[in-house]
Amino acid sequence: MQPFKALTAIAVPLLRPNVDTDAIIPSREIKGVSKAGLADGLFAGWRYTEIGGRTPKPDFVLNDPAYTGAAILLGGENFGCGSSREHAVWALAEYGFRAIVAESFSPIFQNNCLRNGVLACSVPMAFIVALAQRAEADPAAHPIHIDLASQTITQGALQEGFSISEEAKVMLIEGLDVIGLTLRRFDEIMDFIATDRQRRPWAYIQ
C-alpha cells in the first residue's frame, strides 16, 4: 500500500449524513472483483443524470471543475454505513481520495479504509462545516493539510486534532496491510514456532 504520512490537498464537501456504501458505489456499478475500474461509478446515482449513464449532473460537487484533483472528502455523520462492501473504499481510492474527514463512520467502513491506505478520521461537525465553508468559497485557495504524525487537520488558522489507534497509525505511515503488519514480527513468530516444535512435536507434520 502507498504510505500515508501527510497530505495537503483540495477538499470536496459532501456533508450529507448517513452516506451509505450503495450510494458510494451502487451495486450495478460493481462488475468484477478487481479494485480497478470503479472510480467512474463513484457516487453514480448522484453524479449522473440517468441510471447506469455517464451524463454529469452539473449541480453535483464532484462535477464541479473547481474540485479537480481533490484528495480529501469532507463528510457528515455515519459516513460509510450500510453494507460492508470493500468496493466503496476501492472506488474512493481509485478516484484519488486519500483521506475522509467526517463526524463519524461505520466501523466496518473505517476499517476497510485503513486496510486500503485511506485515512478516515472523525472530528466535530462544527469544524467540518468551517472547513467546508472555506473550501466552497475557493477550493484551491483553501487546501487542507493533514499530518498523521501529529494527528492534526489544519486549514489556515483552523486546526483540530483527531484520534487514531497506534496500530492503525503504523499501518498507514508504513504502508502496511494486515499481512505486512504481522510480518514485522516475523522473527518472533519463527522463535515461537521453534520453541513450540520442541514442546509439541506431535503437532507438526514431518
N, C-alpha and C. Protein backbone atom coordinates (compact mmCIF):
# COMPACT_ATOMS: atom_id res chain seq x y z
N MET A 1 0.84 -1.20 0.00
CA MET A 1 0.00 0.00 0.00
C MET A 1 0.87 1.24 0.00
N GLN A 2 0.32 2.31 -0.53
CA GLN A 2 1.03 3.59 -0.52
C GLN A 2 0.99 4.17 0.89
N PRO A 3 2.14 4.51 1.45
CA PRO A 3 2.15 5.07 2.81
C PRO A 3 1.39 6.39 2.88
N PHE A 4 0.84 6.68 4.04
CA PHE A 4 0.18 7.95 4.30
C PHE A 4 0.88 8.59 5.49
N LYS A 5 1.57 9.70 5.24
CA LYS A 5 2.26 10.41 6.32
C LYS A 5 1.67 11.81 6.51
N ALA A 6 1.56 12.55 5.43
CA ALA A 6 0.97 13.88 5.47
C ALA A 6 0.38 14.17 4.10
N LEU A 7 -0.62 15.04 4.08
CA LEU A 7 -1.32 15.33 2.83
C LEU A 7 -1.80 16.77 2.86
N THR A 8 -1.52 17.50 1.78
CA THR A 8 -2.09 18.82 1.59
C THR A 8 -2.84 18.79 0.27
N ALA A 9 -4.14 19.04 0.31
CA ALA A 9 -4.94 18.85 -0.89
C ALA A 9 -6.24 19.64 -0.83
N ILE A 10 -6.84 19.78 -2.00
CA ILE A 10 -8.20 20.33 -2.11
C ILE A 10 -9.17 19.35 -1.46
N ALA A 11 -10.18 19.89 -0.80
CA ALA A 11 -11.19 19.07 -0.14
C ALA A 11 -12.55 19.25 -0.79
N VAL A 12 -13.25 18.14 -0.95
CA VAL A 12 -14.60 18.15 -1.51
C VAL A 12 -15.61 18.05 -0.37
N PRO A 13 -16.51 19.03 -0.23
CA PRO A 13 -17.52 18.93 0.83
C PRO A 13 -18.74 18.12 0.37
N LEU A 14 -19.05 17.08 1.13
CA LEU A 14 -20.25 16.26 0.89
C LEU A 14 -20.83 15.95 2.27
N LEU A 15 -21.47 16.95 2.85
CA LEU A 15 -21.81 16.90 4.26
C LEU A 15 -23.15 16.24 4.56
N ARG A 16 -23.58 15.34 3.71
CA ARG A 16 -24.82 14.62 3.96
C ARG A 16 -24.61 13.58 5.06
N PRO A 17 -25.58 13.41 5.95
CA PRO A 17 -25.46 12.34 6.96
C PRO A 17 -25.83 11.00 6.35
N ASN A 18 -25.33 9.93 6.94
CA ASN A 18 -25.72 8.56 6.58
C ASN A 18 -25.48 8.24 5.10
N VAL A 19 -24.33 8.63 4.58
CA VAL A 19 -23.97 8.27 3.21
C VAL A 19 -23.59 6.79 3.23
N ASP A 20 -24.43 5.95 2.59
CA ASP A 20 -24.18 4.52 2.68
C ASP A 20 -23.33 4.02 1.51
N THR A 21 -22.85 2.80 1.65
CA THR A 21 -21.93 2.26 0.66
C THR A 21 -22.58 2.03 -0.69
N ASP A 22 -23.92 1.87 -0.73
CA ASP A 22 -24.59 1.73 -2.01
C ASP A 22 -24.66 3.06 -2.74
N ALA A 23 -24.65 4.16 -2.00
CA ALA A 23 -24.56 5.48 -2.63
C ALA A 23 -23.13 5.74 -3.11
N ILE A 24 -22.16 5.29 -2.32
CA ILE A 24 -20.76 5.49 -2.70
C ILE A 24 -20.44 4.72 -3.98
N ILE A 25 -20.86 3.46 -4.06
CA ILE A 25 -20.69 2.67 -5.29
C ILE A 25 -21.91 1.75 -5.43
N PRO A 26 -22.89 2.15 -6.24
CA PRO A 26 -24.08 1.31 -6.43
C PRO A 26 -23.72 -0.09 -6.91
N SER A 27 -24.50 -1.07 -6.48
CA SER A 27 -24.20 -2.45 -6.83
C SER A 27 -24.14 -2.66 -8.34
N ARG A 28 -24.95 -1.92 -9.11
CA ARG A 28 -24.94 -2.09 -10.57
C ARG A 28 -23.60 -1.67 -11.19
N GLU A 29 -22.81 -0.90 -10.44
CA GLU A 29 -21.52 -0.44 -10.93
C GLU A 29 -20.40 -1.44 -10.63
N ILE A 30 -20.70 -2.47 -9.85
CA ILE A 30 -19.70 -3.46 -9.48
C ILE A 30 -19.82 -4.64 -10.43
N LYS A 31 -18.91 -4.71 -11.36
CA LYS A 31 -18.99 -5.73 -12.40
C LYS A 31 -17.86 -6.76 -12.32
N GLY A 32 -17.07 -6.70 -11.27
CA GLY A 32 -15.97 -7.64 -11.11
C GLY A 32 -15.48 -7.64 -9.69
N VAL A 33 -14.39 -8.35 -9.44
CA VAL A 33 -13.82 -8.44 -8.09
C VAL A 33 -12.52 -7.64 -7.98
N SER A 34 -12.13 -6.98 -9.05
CA SER A 34 -10.89 -6.20 -9.05
C SER A 34 -11.09 -4.85 -8.38
N LYS A 35 -10.00 -4.30 -7.87
CA LYS A 35 -10.04 -2.96 -7.29
C LYS A 35 -10.05 -1.89 -8.38
N ALA A 36 -9.74 -2.26 -9.60
CA ALA A 36 -9.64 -1.29 -10.70
C ALA A 36 -10.98 -1.13 -11.40
N GLY A 37 -11.19 0.04 -11.98
CA GLY A 37 -12.36 0.29 -12.81
C GLY A 37 -13.60 0.73 -12.07
N LEU A 38 -13.47 1.15 -10.81
CA LEU A 38 -14.63 1.53 -10.02
C LEU A 38 -14.82 3.05 -9.89
N ALA A 39 -13.80 3.82 -10.21
CA ALA A 39 -13.86 5.26 -10.00
C ALA A 39 -14.99 5.92 -10.78
N ASP A 40 -15.25 5.45 -11.99
CA ASP A 40 -16.32 6.05 -12.80
C ASP A 40 -17.69 5.85 -12.17
N GLY A 41 -17.83 4.81 -11.37
CA GLY A 41 -19.11 4.54 -10.72
C GLY A 41 -19.27 5.17 -9.36
N LEU A 42 -18.23 5.89 -8.91
CA LEU A 42 -18.29 6.53 -7.59
C LEU A 42 -19.45 7.53 -7.53
N PHE A 43 -20.32 7.36 -6.55
CA PHE A 43 -21.49 8.22 -6.36
C PHE A 43 -22.33 8.33 -7.65
N ALA A 44 -22.39 7.23 -8.39
CA ALA A 44 -23.05 7.26 -9.71
C ALA A 44 -24.49 7.75 -9.64
N GLY A 45 -25.23 7.37 -8.61
CA GLY A 45 -26.62 7.78 -8.51
C GLY A 45 -26.81 9.27 -8.32
N TRP A 46 -25.82 9.91 -7.74
CA TRP A 46 -25.87 11.36 -7.53
C TRP A 46 -25.10 12.12 -8.60
N ARG A 47 -24.16 11.45 -9.20
CA ARG A 47 -23.20 12.10 -10.09
C ARG A 47 -23.71 12.22 -11.53
N TYR A 48 -24.57 11.28 -11.95
CA TYR A 48 -25.03 11.24 -13.33
C TYR A 48 -26.55 11.39 -13.41
N THR A 49 -27.02 11.84 -14.56
CA THR A 49 -28.44 12.16 -14.71
C THR A 49 -29.32 10.92 -14.90
N GLU A 50 -28.74 9.82 -15.40
CA GLU A 50 -29.55 8.64 -15.66
C GLU A 50 -28.90 7.40 -15.02
N ILE A 51 -29.73 6.42 -14.70
CA ILE A 51 -29.23 5.19 -14.09
C ILE A 51 -28.33 4.46 -15.08
N GLY A 52 -27.12 4.18 -14.64
CA GLY A 52 -26.17 3.47 -15.49
C GLY A 52 -25.51 4.35 -16.53
N GLY A 53 -25.90 5.61 -16.60
CA GLY A 53 -25.34 6.51 -17.61
C GLY A 53 -24.12 7.26 -17.13
N ARG A 54 -23.65 8.16 -17.98
CA ARG A 54 -22.45 8.93 -17.65
C ARG A 54 -22.61 10.41 -18.03
N THR A 55 -23.85 10.90 -18.02
CA THR A 55 -24.09 12.33 -18.27
C THR A 55 -24.01 13.05 -16.93
N PRO A 56 -23.02 13.91 -16.72
CA PRO A 56 -22.83 14.52 -15.40
C PRO A 56 -23.98 15.45 -15.00
N LYS A 57 -24.35 15.39 -13.73
CA LYS A 57 -25.27 16.37 -13.17
C LYS A 57 -24.46 17.61 -12.81
N PRO A 58 -24.77 18.75 -13.39
CA PRO A 58 -23.93 19.93 -13.16
C PRO A 58 -23.93 20.41 -11.71
N ASP A 59 -24.95 20.04 -10.93
CA ASP A 59 -25.03 20.55 -9.56
C ASP A 59 -24.41 19.60 -8.53
N PHE A 60 -23.84 18.47 -8.99
CA PHE A 60 -23.19 17.58 -8.03
C PHE A 60 -21.74 17.98 -7.86
N VAL A 61 -21.28 17.98 -6.63
CA VAL A 61 -19.99 18.58 -6.29
C VAL A 61 -18.81 17.96 -7.05
N LEU A 62 -18.82 16.66 -7.28
CA LEU A 62 -17.68 16.05 -7.98
C LEU A 62 -17.59 16.49 -9.44
N ASN A 63 -18.68 17.04 -9.97
CA ASN A 63 -18.67 17.50 -11.35
C ASN A 63 -18.27 18.97 -11.48
N ASP A 64 -17.95 19.59 -10.37
CA ASP A 64 -17.51 21.00 -10.37
C ASP A 64 -16.01 21.04 -10.66
N PRO A 65 -15.59 21.69 -11.75
CA PRO A 65 -14.15 21.74 -12.10
C PRO A 65 -13.28 22.31 -11.00
N ALA A 66 -13.88 23.10 -10.10
CA ALA A 66 -13.08 23.71 -9.02
C ALA A 66 -12.49 22.66 -8.08
N TYR A 67 -13.08 21.45 -8.07
CA TYR A 67 -12.60 20.40 -7.18
C TYR A 67 -11.76 19.35 -7.90
N THR A 68 -11.33 19.67 -9.10
CA THR A 68 -10.48 18.73 -9.84
C THR A 68 -9.19 18.46 -9.06
N GLY A 69 -8.84 17.20 -8.94
CA GLY A 69 -7.62 16.83 -8.22
C GLY A 69 -7.78 16.73 -6.73
N ALA A 70 -9.00 16.85 -6.22
CA ALA A 70 -9.23 16.77 -4.77
C ALA A 70 -8.83 15.40 -4.24
N ALA A 71 -8.23 15.39 -3.06
CA ALA A 71 -7.80 14.13 -2.45
C ALA A 71 -8.35 13.95 -1.04
N ILE A 72 -9.17 14.92 -0.58
CA ILE A 72 -9.78 14.85 0.73
C ILE A 72 -11.29 15.01 0.56
N LEU A 73 -12.05 14.16 1.22
CA LEU A 73 -13.50 14.23 1.18
C LEU A 73 -14.01 14.59 2.58
N LEU A 74 -14.84 15.62 2.65
CA LEU A 74 -15.46 16.02 3.91
C LEU A 74 -16.86 15.43 3.98
N GLY A 75 -17.14 14.70 5.04
CA GLY A 75 -18.43 14.04 5.17
C GLY A 75 -19.13 14.40 6.46
N GLY A 76 -20.32 13.81 6.65
CA GLY A 76 -21.11 14.08 7.84
C GLY A 76 -21.15 12.92 8.80
N GLU A 77 -22.26 12.77 9.45
CA GLU A 77 -22.43 11.72 10.46
C GLU A 77 -22.64 10.36 9.81
N ASN A 78 -22.04 9.32 10.39
CA ASN A 78 -22.27 7.93 10.00
C ASN A 78 -21.90 7.67 8.53
N PHE A 79 -20.78 8.21 8.11
CA PHE A 79 -20.34 8.03 6.73
C PHE A 79 -19.94 6.57 6.50
N GLY A 80 -20.36 6.00 5.35
CA GLY A 80 -19.99 4.63 5.02
C GLY A 80 -20.85 3.58 5.67
N CYS A 81 -22.07 3.94 6.08
CA CYS A 81 -22.96 2.96 6.69
C CYS A 81 -23.52 2.02 5.61
N GLY A 82 -24.35 1.07 6.01
CA GLY A 82 -24.93 0.15 5.03
C GLY A 82 -24.12 -1.13 4.93
N SER A 83 -24.02 -1.66 3.72
CA SER A 83 -23.33 -2.94 3.53
C SER A 83 -21.83 -2.79 3.76
N SER A 84 -21.18 -3.93 3.95
CA SER A 84 -19.74 -3.93 4.26
C SER A 84 -18.87 -3.96 3.01
N ARG A 85 -19.44 -3.73 1.82
CA ARG A 85 -18.68 -3.88 0.58
C ARG A 85 -17.40 -3.04 0.58
N GLU A 86 -16.28 -3.71 0.40
CA GLU A 86 -14.99 -3.02 0.34
C GLU A 86 -14.85 -2.21 -0.94
N HIS A 87 -15.68 -2.51 -1.94
CA HIS A 87 -15.65 -1.78 -3.21
C HIS A 87 -15.84 -0.28 -3.00
N ALA A 88 -16.58 0.09 -1.94
CA ALA A 88 -16.81 1.52 -1.68
C ALA A 88 -15.48 2.24 -1.46
N VAL A 89 -14.62 1.64 -0.67
CA VAL A 89 -13.30 2.24 -0.42
C VAL A 89 -12.43 2.16 -1.67
N TRP A 90 -12.51 1.06 -2.39
CA TRP A 90 -11.74 0.93 -3.62
C TRP A 90 -12.10 2.03 -4.61
N ALA A 91 -13.38 2.33 -4.73
CA ALA A 91 -13.83 3.38 -5.65
C ALA A 91 -13.32 4.75 -5.22
N LEU A 92 -13.42 5.04 -3.94
CA LEU A 92 -12.93 6.31 -3.42
C LEU A 92 -11.42 6.46 -3.65
N ALA A 93 -10.68 5.38 -3.36
CA ALA A 93 -9.22 5.42 -3.52
C ALA A 93 -8.83 5.56 -4.98
N GLU A 94 -9.50 4.83 -5.87
CA GLU A 94 -9.14 4.92 -7.28
C GLU A 94 -9.46 6.31 -7.85
N TYR A 95 -10.51 6.93 -7.33
CA TYR A 95 -10.84 8.30 -7.77
C TYR A 95 -9.75 9.28 -7.37
N GLY A 96 -9.08 8.99 -6.26
CA GLY A 96 -7.99 9.86 -5.81
C GLY A 96 -8.08 10.34 -4.38
N PHE A 97 -9.10 9.90 -3.65
CA PHE A 97 -9.23 10.32 -2.25
C PHE A 97 -8.28 9.52 -1.38
N ARG A 98 -7.44 10.25 -0.63
CA ARG A 98 -6.52 9.61 0.32
C ARG A 98 -7.00 9.75 1.75
N ALA A 99 -7.95 10.67 1.98
CA ALA A 99 -8.44 10.89 3.34
C ALA A 99 -9.91 11.28 3.31
N ILE A 100 -10.64 10.81 4.32
CA ILE A 100 -12.03 11.19 4.51
C ILE A 100 -12.15 11.74 5.92
N VAL A 101 -12.67 12.95 6.03
CA VAL A 101 -12.84 13.60 7.32
C VAL A 101 -14.34 13.74 7.56
N ALA A 102 -14.86 13.07 8.58
CA ALA A 102 -16.29 13.08 8.84
C ALA A 102 -16.55 13.11 10.34
N GLU A 103 -17.80 13.38 10.69
CA GLU A 103 -18.14 13.41 12.11
C GLU A 103 -18.05 12.02 12.72
N SER A 104 -18.49 11.01 11.97
CA SER A 104 -18.41 9.64 12.44
C SER A 104 -18.52 8.69 11.25
N PHE A 105 -18.12 7.44 11.48
CA PHE A 105 -18.07 6.45 10.42
C PHE A 105 -18.71 5.15 10.87
N SER A 106 -19.19 4.37 9.90
CA SER A 106 -19.48 2.97 10.18
C SER A 106 -18.15 2.30 10.51
N PRO A 107 -18.08 1.53 11.60
CA PRO A 107 -16.81 0.89 11.97
C PRO A 107 -16.24 -0.01 10.88
N ILE A 108 -17.10 -0.75 10.18
CA ILE A 108 -16.60 -1.63 9.12
C ILE A 108 -16.00 -0.81 7.99
N PHE A 109 -16.69 0.26 7.60
CA PHE A 109 -16.16 1.12 6.53
C PHE A 109 -14.83 1.73 6.94
N GLN A 110 -14.73 2.22 8.16
CA GLN A 110 -13.49 2.83 8.63
C GLN A 110 -12.36 1.81 8.63
N ASN A 111 -12.67 0.58 9.00
CA ASN A 111 -11.67 -0.47 8.99
C ASN A 111 -11.24 -0.80 7.56
N ASN A 112 -12.20 -0.82 6.63
CA ASN A 112 -11.86 -1.06 5.23
C ASN A 112 -10.97 0.05 4.67
N CYS A 113 -11.21 1.28 5.11
CA CYS A 113 -10.35 2.39 4.68
C CYS A 113 -8.91 2.14 5.11
N LEU A 114 -8.73 1.81 6.37
CA LEU A 114 -7.40 1.55 6.92
C LEU A 114 -6.68 0.49 6.11
N ARG A 115 -7.36 -0.59 5.77
CA ARG A 115 -6.74 -1.70 5.07
C ARG A 115 -6.48 -1.42 3.59
N ASN A 116 -6.89 -0.24 3.14
CA ASN A 116 -6.62 0.17 1.76
C ASN A 116 -5.85 1.49 1.69
N GLY A 117 -5.23 1.88 2.80
CA GLY A 117 -4.37 3.05 2.80
C GLY A 117 -5.08 4.38 2.76
N VAL A 118 -6.36 4.40 3.15
CA VAL A 118 -7.14 5.64 3.19
C VAL A 118 -7.37 6.02 4.65
N LEU A 119 -7.03 7.25 5.01
CA LEU A 119 -7.24 7.72 6.38
C LEU A 119 -8.69 8.16 6.53
N ALA A 120 -9.39 7.60 7.49
CA ALA A 120 -10.76 8.01 7.81
C ALA A 120 -10.76 8.49 9.25
N CYS A 121 -10.85 9.80 9.45
CA CYS A 121 -10.73 10.34 10.80
C CYS A 121 -11.96 11.16 11.17
N SER A 122 -12.32 11.06 12.44
CA SER A 122 -13.51 11.73 12.97
C SER A 122 -13.13 13.00 13.72
N VAL A 123 -13.86 14.08 13.41
CA VAL A 123 -13.68 15.36 14.10
C VAL A 123 -15.07 15.97 14.31
N PRO A 124 -15.19 16.98 15.18
CA PRO A 124 -16.50 17.58 15.42
C PRO A 124 -17.11 18.18 14.14
N MET A 125 -18.43 18.09 14.03
CA MET A 125 -19.12 18.57 12.83
C MET A 125 -18.93 20.07 12.64
N ALA A 126 -18.87 20.82 13.71
CA ALA A 126 -18.69 22.27 13.59
C ALA A 126 -17.38 22.59 12.88
N PHE A 127 -16.34 21.81 13.15
CA PHE A 127 -15.05 22.02 12.49
C PHE A 127 -15.15 21.67 11.01
N ILE A 128 -15.85 20.57 10.69
CA ILE A 128 -16.01 20.17 9.29
C ILE A 128 -16.78 21.24 8.52
N VAL A 129 -17.83 21.79 9.11
CA VAL A 129 -18.60 22.85 8.46
C VAL A 129 -17.72 24.06 8.19
N ALA A 130 -16.88 24.41 9.14
CA ALA A 130 -15.97 25.55 8.95
C ALA A 130 -14.99 25.27 7.81
N LEU A 131 -14.45 24.05 7.74
CA LEU A 131 -13.56 23.68 6.63
C LEU A 131 -14.30 23.77 5.30
N ALA A 132 -15.52 23.26 5.27
CA ALA A 132 -16.30 23.23 4.04
C ALA A 132 -16.63 24.63 3.54
N GLN A 133 -16.95 25.51 4.45
CA GLN A 133 -17.31 26.88 4.06
C GLN A 133 -16.14 27.57 3.37
N ARG A 134 -14.96 27.39 3.91
CA ARG A 134 -13.77 28.00 3.30
C ARG A 134 -13.43 27.32 1.98
N ALA A 135 -13.59 25.99 1.93
CA ALA A 135 -13.31 25.26 0.70
C ALA A 135 -14.27 25.64 -0.41
N GLU A 136 -15.54 25.80 -0.07
CA GLU A 136 -16.53 26.16 -1.07
C GLU A 136 -16.28 27.54 -1.65
N ALA A 137 -15.77 28.46 -0.83
CA ALA A 137 -15.50 29.81 -1.30
C ALA A 137 -14.44 29.82 -2.39
N ASP A 138 -13.39 29.02 -2.21
CA ASP A 138 -12.30 28.94 -3.19
C ASP A 138 -11.47 27.70 -2.85
N PRO A 139 -11.81 26.55 -3.44
CA PRO A 139 -11.15 25.30 -3.06
C PRO A 139 -9.64 25.34 -3.18
N ALA A 140 -9.11 25.87 -4.27
CA ALA A 140 -7.66 25.88 -4.47
C ALA A 140 -6.95 26.79 -3.49
N ALA A 141 -7.62 27.86 -3.07
CA ALA A 141 -7.01 28.82 -2.15
C ALA A 141 -7.08 28.38 -0.70
N HIS A 142 -7.89 27.36 -0.41
CA HIS A 142 -8.05 26.90 0.97
C HIS A 142 -7.86 25.39 1.06
N PRO A 143 -6.68 24.90 0.71
CA PRO A 143 -6.44 23.46 0.85
C PRO A 143 -6.40 23.07 2.32
N ILE A 144 -6.51 21.79 2.56
CA ILE A 144 -6.45 21.26 3.93
C ILE A 144 -5.17 20.44 4.07
N HIS A 145 -4.53 20.60 5.21
CA HIS A 145 -3.31 19.83 5.50
C HIS A 145 -3.61 18.85 6.62
N ILE A 146 -3.31 17.58 6.37
CA ILE A 146 -3.47 16.53 7.38
C ILE A 146 -2.11 15.96 7.69
N ASP A 147 -1.73 15.99 8.95
CA ASP A 147 -0.46 15.44 9.39
C ASP A 147 -0.74 14.26 10.32
N LEU A 148 -0.38 13.08 9.87
CA LEU A 148 -0.71 11.88 10.66
C LEU A 148 0.18 11.75 11.88
N ALA A 149 1.43 12.18 11.77
CA ALA A 149 2.34 12.07 12.91
C ALA A 149 1.81 12.86 14.11
N SER A 150 1.36 14.10 13.86
CA SER A 150 0.85 14.93 14.95
C SER A 150 -0.65 14.77 15.15
N GLN A 151 -1.30 14.03 14.25
CA GLN A 151 -2.75 13.79 14.29
C GLN A 151 -3.54 15.10 14.31
N THR A 152 -3.21 15.94 13.33
CA THR A 152 -3.88 17.23 13.23
C THR A 152 -4.38 17.49 11.81
N ILE A 153 -5.45 18.26 11.72
CA ILE A 153 -6.01 18.74 10.46
C ILE A 153 -5.98 20.25 10.52
N THR A 154 -5.40 20.87 9.49
CA THR A 154 -5.19 22.32 9.50
C THR A 154 -5.66 22.93 8.19
N GLN A 155 -6.32 24.07 8.31
CA GLN A 155 -6.69 24.86 7.14
C GLN A 155 -6.57 26.32 7.55
N GLY A 156 -5.49 26.97 7.14
CA GLY A 156 -5.24 28.33 7.59
C GLY A 156 -5.10 28.37 9.10
N ALA A 157 -5.93 29.21 9.75
CA ALA A 157 -5.89 29.35 11.20
C ALA A 157 -6.71 28.27 11.91
N LEU A 158 -7.46 27.48 11.16
CA LEU A 158 -8.26 26.42 11.77
C LEU A 158 -7.42 25.18 12.00
N GLN A 159 -7.56 24.57 13.15
CA GLN A 159 -6.86 23.31 13.42
C GLN A 159 -7.65 22.47 14.42
N GLU A 160 -7.63 21.17 14.19
CA GLU A 160 -8.31 20.22 15.08
C GLU A 160 -7.50 18.93 15.12
N GLY A 161 -7.45 18.31 16.28
CA GLY A 161 -6.79 17.02 16.40
C GLY A 161 -7.77 15.89 16.19
N PHE A 162 -7.24 14.71 15.92
CA PHE A 162 -8.09 13.53 15.78
C PHE A 162 -7.40 12.33 16.42
N SER A 163 -8.20 11.34 16.79
CA SER A 163 -7.68 10.15 17.44
C SER A 163 -7.51 9.02 16.44
N ILE A 164 -6.51 8.19 16.67
CA ILE A 164 -6.29 7.00 15.85
C ILE A 164 -5.48 6.01 16.68
N SER A 165 -5.76 4.75 16.55
CA SER A 165 -5.02 3.76 17.33
C SER A 165 -3.57 3.71 16.84
N GLU A 166 -2.69 3.31 17.72
CA GLU A 166 -1.27 3.24 17.36
C GLU A 166 -1.05 2.23 16.24
N GLU A 167 -1.77 1.12 16.27
CA GLU A 167 -1.62 0.11 15.22
C GLU A 167 -2.05 0.66 13.87
N ALA A 168 -3.20 1.35 13.83
CA ALA A 168 -3.68 1.93 12.58
C ALA A 168 -2.71 2.99 12.06
N LYS A 169 -2.16 3.77 12.96
CA LYS A 169 -1.21 4.81 12.59
C LYS A 169 0.03 4.21 11.94
N VAL A 170 0.55 3.14 12.54
CA VAL A 170 1.72 2.46 11.98
C VAL A 170 1.41 1.89 10.60
N MET A 171 0.25 1.26 10.47
CA MET A 171 -0.13 0.68 9.18
C MET A 171 -0.16 1.73 8.08
N LEU A 172 -0.73 2.89 8.37
CA LEU A 172 -0.84 3.94 7.36
C LEU A 172 0.51 4.57 7.05
N ILE A 173 1.26 4.92 8.08
CA ILE A 173 2.55 5.60 7.87
C ILE A 173 3.52 4.70 7.12
N GLU A 174 3.52 3.40 7.45
CA GLU A 174 4.46 2.48 6.81
C GLU A 174 3.89 1.80 5.57
N GLY A 175 2.61 2.06 5.27
CA GLY A 175 2.00 1.46 4.08
C GLY A 175 1.84 -0.03 4.19
N LEU A 176 1.40 -0.50 5.36
CA LEU A 176 1.29 -1.93 5.62
C LEU A 176 -0.16 -2.39 5.61
N ASP A 177 -0.42 -3.54 4.99
CA ASP A 177 -1.71 -4.19 5.18
C ASP A 177 -1.59 -5.10 6.40
N VAL A 178 -2.64 -5.86 6.70
CA VAL A 178 -2.60 -6.68 7.92
C VAL A 178 -1.53 -7.76 7.84
N ILE A 179 -1.26 -8.27 6.64
CA ILE A 179 -0.20 -9.27 6.49
C ILE A 179 1.16 -8.62 6.73
N GLY A 180 1.36 -7.46 6.14
CA GLY A 180 2.62 -6.74 6.35
C GLY A 180 2.84 -6.39 7.80
N LEU A 181 1.77 -6.02 8.50
CA LEU A 181 1.87 -5.70 9.93
C LEU A 181 2.30 -6.94 10.71
N THR A 182 1.73 -8.09 10.37
CA THR A 182 2.10 -9.34 11.05
C THR A 182 3.56 -9.70 10.78
N LEU A 183 4.01 -9.49 9.55
CA LEU A 183 5.38 -9.87 9.19
C LEU A 183 6.45 -9.00 9.85
N ARG A 184 6.04 -7.87 10.43
CA ARG A 184 7.00 -7.07 11.19
C ARG A 184 7.50 -7.87 12.41
N ARG A 185 6.75 -8.89 12.81
CA ARG A 185 7.13 -9.72 13.96
C ARG A 185 7.56 -11.11 13.51
N PHE A 186 8.09 -11.17 12.29
CA PHE A 186 8.46 -12.47 11.70
C PHE A 186 9.44 -13.23 12.59
N ASP A 187 10.47 -12.56 13.09
CA ASP A 187 11.47 -13.25 13.92
C ASP A 187 10.83 -13.82 15.18
N GLU A 188 9.92 -13.05 15.80
CA GLU A 188 9.24 -13.55 17.00
C GLU A 188 8.38 -14.77 16.66
N ILE A 189 7.72 -14.72 15.51
CA ILE A 189 6.88 -15.84 15.08
C ILE A 189 7.72 -17.10 14.89
N MET A 190 8.87 -16.94 14.23
CA MET A 190 9.72 -18.10 13.98
C MET A 190 10.31 -18.65 15.27
N ASP A 191 10.65 -17.76 16.22
CA ASP A 191 11.14 -18.22 17.52
C ASP A 191 10.06 -19.01 18.25
N PHE A 192 8.83 -18.55 18.18
CA PHE A 192 7.73 -19.26 18.83
C PHE A 192 7.55 -20.64 18.21
N ILE A 193 7.59 -20.71 16.88
CA ILE A 193 7.42 -22.00 16.19
C ILE A 193 8.51 -22.98 16.59
N ALA A 194 9.75 -22.47 16.65
CA ALA A 194 10.86 -23.35 17.03
C ALA A 194 10.68 -23.89 18.44
N THR A 195 10.27 -23.02 19.35
CA THR A 195 10.06 -23.45 20.74
C THR A 195 8.87 -24.41 20.83
N ASP A 196 7.82 -24.08 20.13
CA ASP A 196 6.61 -24.91 20.18
C ASP A 196 6.86 -26.28 19.54
N ARG A 197 7.70 -26.31 18.52
CA ARG A 197 8.01 -27.59 17.87
C ARG A 197 8.71 -28.53 18.85
N GLN A 198 9.55 -27.97 19.71
CA GLN A 198 10.23 -28.79 20.72
C GLN A 198 9.24 -29.27 21.78
N ARG A 199 8.30 -28.41 22.14
CA ARG A 199 7.36 -28.74 23.21
C ARG A 199 6.26 -29.68 22.73
N ARG A 200 5.83 -29.51 21.47
CA ARG A 200 4.73 -30.31 20.94
C ARG A 200 5.09 -30.87 19.55
N PRO A 201 6.07 -31.73 19.46
CA PRO A 201 6.49 -32.24 18.14
C PRO A 201 5.37 -32.96 17.40
N TRP A 202 4.44 -33.56 18.16
CA TRP A 202 3.36 -34.31 17.55
C TRP A 202 2.41 -33.41 16.72
N ALA A 203 2.47 -32.09 16.95
CA ALA A 203 1.56 -31.17 16.26
C ALA A 203 2.07 -30.76 14.88
N TYR A 204 3.31 -31.17 14.55
CA TYR A 204 3.92 -30.74 13.29
C TYR A 204 4.11 -31.92 12.35
N ILE A 205 3.78 -31.69 11.09
CA ILE A 205 3.99 -32.71 10.06
C ILE A 205 5.47 -32.77 9.70
N GLN A 206 6.03 -33.96 9.76
CA GLN A 206 7.46 -34.10 9.45
C GLN A 206 7.69 -34.14 7.95
